[in-house]
C-alpha atoms as a PDB file:
ATOM      1  CA  MET A   1      53.482 -93.936  74.768  1.00  0.00           C
ATOM      2  CA  SER A   2      55.772 -92.096  72.734  1.00  0.00           C
ATOM      3  CA  VAL A   3      59.643 -92.390  72.849  1.00  0.00           C
ATOM      4  CA  GLY A   4      59.635 -88.486  73.364  1.00  0.00           C
ATOM      5  CA  GLU A   5      57.122 -89.016  76.484  1.00  0.00           C
ATOM      6  CA  THR A   6      59.649 -92.213  77.673  1.00  0.00           C
ATOM      7  CA  GLY A   7      62.696 -89.396  77.004  1.00  0.00           C
ATOM      8  CA  ALA A   8      61.147 -86.821  79.050  1.00  0.00           C
ATOM      9  CA  GLY A   9      60.276 -88.829  81.946  1.00  0.00           C
ATOM     10  CA  TRP A  10      63.790 -90.620  82.462  1.00  0.00           C
ATOM     11  CA  LEU A  11      64.984 -86.831  81.840  1.00  0.00           C
ATOM     12  CA  LYS A  12      62.742 -85.032  84.237  1.00  0.00           C
ATOM     13  CA  THR A  13      63.532 -88.007  87.179  1.00  0.00           C
ATOM     14  CA  PHE A  14      66.987 -87.706  86.208  1.00  0.00           C
ATOM     15  CA  LEU A  15      66.981 -83.851  86.544  1.00  0.00           C
ATOM     16  CA  SER A  16      64.631 -83.825  89.528  1.00  0.00           C
ATOM     17  CA  ASP A  17      65.856 -83.147  93.205  1.00  0.00           C
ATOM     18  CA  PRO A  18      64.815 -85.584  95.714  1.00  0.00           C
ATOM     19  CA  MET A  19      64.264 -82.427  98.148  1.00  0.00           C
ATOM     20  CA  ASP A  20      61.423 -81.454  96.737  1.00  0.00           C
ATOM     21  CA  ALA A  21      59.091 -84.296  97.917  1.00  0.00           C
ATOM     22  CA  ALA A  22      60.467 -83.746 101.586  1.00  0.00           C
ATOM     23  CA  VAL A  23      59.249 -84.464 104.664  1.00  0.00           C
ATOM     24  CA  LYS A  24      59.198 -82.333 107.859  1.00  0.00           C
ATOM     25  CA  GLY A  25      61.237 -84.157 110.872  1.00  0.00           C
ATOM     26  CA  THR A  26      63.771 -83.801 112.908  1.00  0.00           C
ATOM     27  CA  ALA A  27      67.720 -85.464 113.558  1.00  0.00           C
ATOM     28  CA  ARG A  28      69.313 -86.197 116.983  1.00  0.00           C
ATOM     29  CA  ILE A  29      72.819 -85.753 116.927  1.00  0.00           C
ATOM     30  CA  LEU A  30      74.704 -88.710 117.837  1.00  0.00           C
ATOM     31  CA  SER A  31      78.068 -88.115 117.174  1.00  0.00           C
ATOM     32  CA  VAL A  32      79.862 -85.013 115.903  1.00  0.00           C
ATOM     33  CA  SER A  33      83.361 -84.225 114.627  1.00  0.00           C
ATOM     34  CA  GLU A  34      85.871 -82.058 116.274  1.00  0.00           C
ATOM     35  CA  PRO A  35      87.178 -78.885 114.623  1.00  0.00           C
ATOM     36  CA  VAL A  36      89.739 -78.811 112.514  1.00  0.00           C
ATOM     37  CA  GLY A  37      93.001 -76.189 112.650  1.00  0.00           C
ATOM     38  CA  ARG A  38      91.346 -72.536 113.479  1.00  0.00           C
ATOM     39  CA  ALA A  39      90.010 -70.896 110.911  1.00  0.00           C
ATOM     40  CA  PRO A  40      86.429 -69.639 112.068  1.00  0.00           C
ATOM     41  CA  TYR A  41      84.837 -71.965 109.987  1.00  0.00           C
ATOM     42  CA  SER A  42      85.507 -75.521 109.470  1.00  0.00           C
ATOM     43  CA  ARG A  43      83.707 -79.267 108.142  1.00  0.00           C
ATOM     44  CA  CYS A  44      81.644 -81.323 110.459  1.00  0.00           C
ATOM     45  CA  THR A  45      80.825 -84.711 109.870  1.00  0.00           C
ATOM     46  CA  LEU A  46      77.720 -85.605 111.943  1.00  0.00           C
ATOM     47  CA  GLU A  47      76.029 -88.796 112.307  1.00  0.00           C
ATOM     48  CA  VAL A  48      72.130 -88.426 113.117  1.00  0.00           C
ATOM     49  CA  LEU A  49      68.761 -90.377 113.555  1.00  0.00           C
ATOM     50  CA  ALA A  50      66.287 -88.636 111.296  1.00  0.00           C
ATOM     51  CA  GLU A  51      63.039 -89.370 112.225  1.00  0.00           C
ATOM     52  CA  ALA A  52      59.663 -87.730 110.150  1.00  0.00           C
ATOM     53  CA  PRO A  53      55.891 -88.472 110.760  1.00  0.00           C
ATOM     54  CA  ASP A  54      54.698 -91.722 108.817  1.00  0.00           C
ATOM     55  CA  MET A  55      58.422 -92.499 107.793  1.00  0.00           C
ATOM     56  CA  GLU A  56      61.344 -94.759 109.580  1.00  0.00           C
ATOM     57  CA  SER A  57      64.128 -93.428 111.344  1.00  0.00           C
ATOM     58  CA  ARG A  58      67.021 -93.649 109.573  1.00  0.00           C
ATOM     59  CA  THR A  59      70.344 -93.381 110.997  1.00  0.00           C
ATOM     60  CA  VAL A  60      72.912 -90.692 108.421  1.00  0.00           C
ATOM     61  CA  SER A  61      76.095 -88.920 108.289  1.00  0.00           C
ATOM     62  CA  VAL A  62      75.905 -85.393 107.325  1.00  0.00           C
ATOM     63  CA  GLU A  63      78.736 -83.185 106.340  1.00  0.00           C
ATOM     64  CA  ALA A  64      78.500 -79.312 106.229  1.00  0.00           C
ATOM     65  CA  VAL A  65      80.718 -76.676 106.891  1.00  0.00           C
ATOM     66  CA  LEU A  66      79.510 -74.708 110.418  1.00  0.00           C
ATOM     67  CA  PRO A  67      81.522 -71.592 112.384  1.00  0.00           C
ATOM     68  CA  ARG A  68      83.348 -73.056 115.074  1.00  0.00           C
ATOM     69  CA  LYS A  69      81.514 -70.638 117.752  1.00  0.00           C
ATOM     70  CA  HIS A  70      78.073 -72.844 116.381  1.00  0.00           C
ATOM     71  CA  TRP A  71      79.317 -76.109 116.589  1.00  0.00           C
ATOM     72  CA  PRO A  72      77.081 -78.943 117.162  1.00  0.00           C
ATOM     73  CA  ARG A  73      76.706 -80.562 120.315  1.00  0.00           C
ATOM     74  CA  VAL A  74      75.781 -84.476 120.766  1.00  0.00           C
ATOM     75  CA  GLY A  75      72.083 -84.952 121.861  1.00  0.00           C
ATOM     76  CA  MET A  76      70.755 -81.710 120.362  1.00  0.00           C
ATOM     77  CA  VAL A  77      67.782 -82.163 118.079  1.00  0.00           C
ATOM     78  CA  VAL A  78      67.364 -79.650 115.236  1.00  0.00           C
ATOM     79  CA  PRO A  79      64.676 -79.415 112.277  1.00  0.00           C
ATOM     80  CA  ALA A  80      65.375 -81.645 109.038  1.00  0.00           C
ATOM     81  CA  ARG A  81      64.102 -82.332 106.188  1.00  0.00           C
ATOM     82  CA  LEU A  82      63.859 -86.350 104.953  1.00  0.00           C
ATOM     83  CA  ALA A  83      63.655 -87.438 101.143  1.00  0.00           C
ATOM     84  CA  PRO A  84      61.158 -90.254 100.813  1.00  0.00           C
ATOM     85  CA  THR A  85      62.606 -91.933  98.071  1.00  0.00           C
ATOM     86  CA  ARG A  86      66.345 -91.642  99.235  1.00  0.00           C
ATOM     87  CA  PRO A  87      67.042 -92.980 102.972  1.00  0.00           C
ATOM     88  CA  ASP A  88      70.344 -91.460 102.343  1.00  0.00           C
ATOM     89  CA  LEU A  89      69.315 -88.053 102.556  1.00  0.00           C
ATOM     90  CA  VAL A  90      68.926 -85.850 104.596  1.00  0.00           C
ATOM     91  CA  GLY A  91      68.504 -82.216 104.943  1.00  0.00           C
ATOM     92  CA  LEU A  92      69.572 -80.693 108.240  1.00  0.00           C
ATOM     93  CA  ASN A  93      68.332 -76.488 109.231  1.00  0.00           C
ATOM     94  CA  LEU A  94      72.232 -75.530 109.981  1.00  0.00           C
ATOM     95  CA  GLU A  95      70.568 -71.847 111.034  1.00  0.00           C
ATOM     96  CA  ALA A  96      69.177 -74.024 114.254  1.00  0.00           C
ATOM     97  CA  PHE A  97      72.861 -74.459 115.292  1.00  0.00           C
ATOM     98  CA  ARG A  98      73.540 -70.974 116.273  1.00  0.00           C
ATOM     99  CA  HIS A  99      70.273 -70.931 118.877  1.00  0.00           C
END
C-alpha cells in the first residue's frame, strides 16, 4: 500500500460521518430535563434506551433544543438511528415529539 493510499484512507476515516452507516431503531425516553426559562424553545437533556435489530441496546444521553409546547415525556418511544461504530451516538427523530 502506498503512502498516498494510507493517507487517503486515514483522511476518509477522519472526515466520515459515523451516522452514514446508522441503523434504524427506536429510543425509549427514560428521563427528561425540565425546560429552563420562559422562551418558546429550551435545551433538553434526555436519557434514552436505544435499540435496533441485531445491535446491543444502549443507554445514552442526548441533548436537543426543543419547543416547550412539544416537550418529550418519560416513556415515549420515538424513531432513532444508531451508529454501529459509536455506541455513544444516537440520533433521535425530533419531529416525533410534535405528535
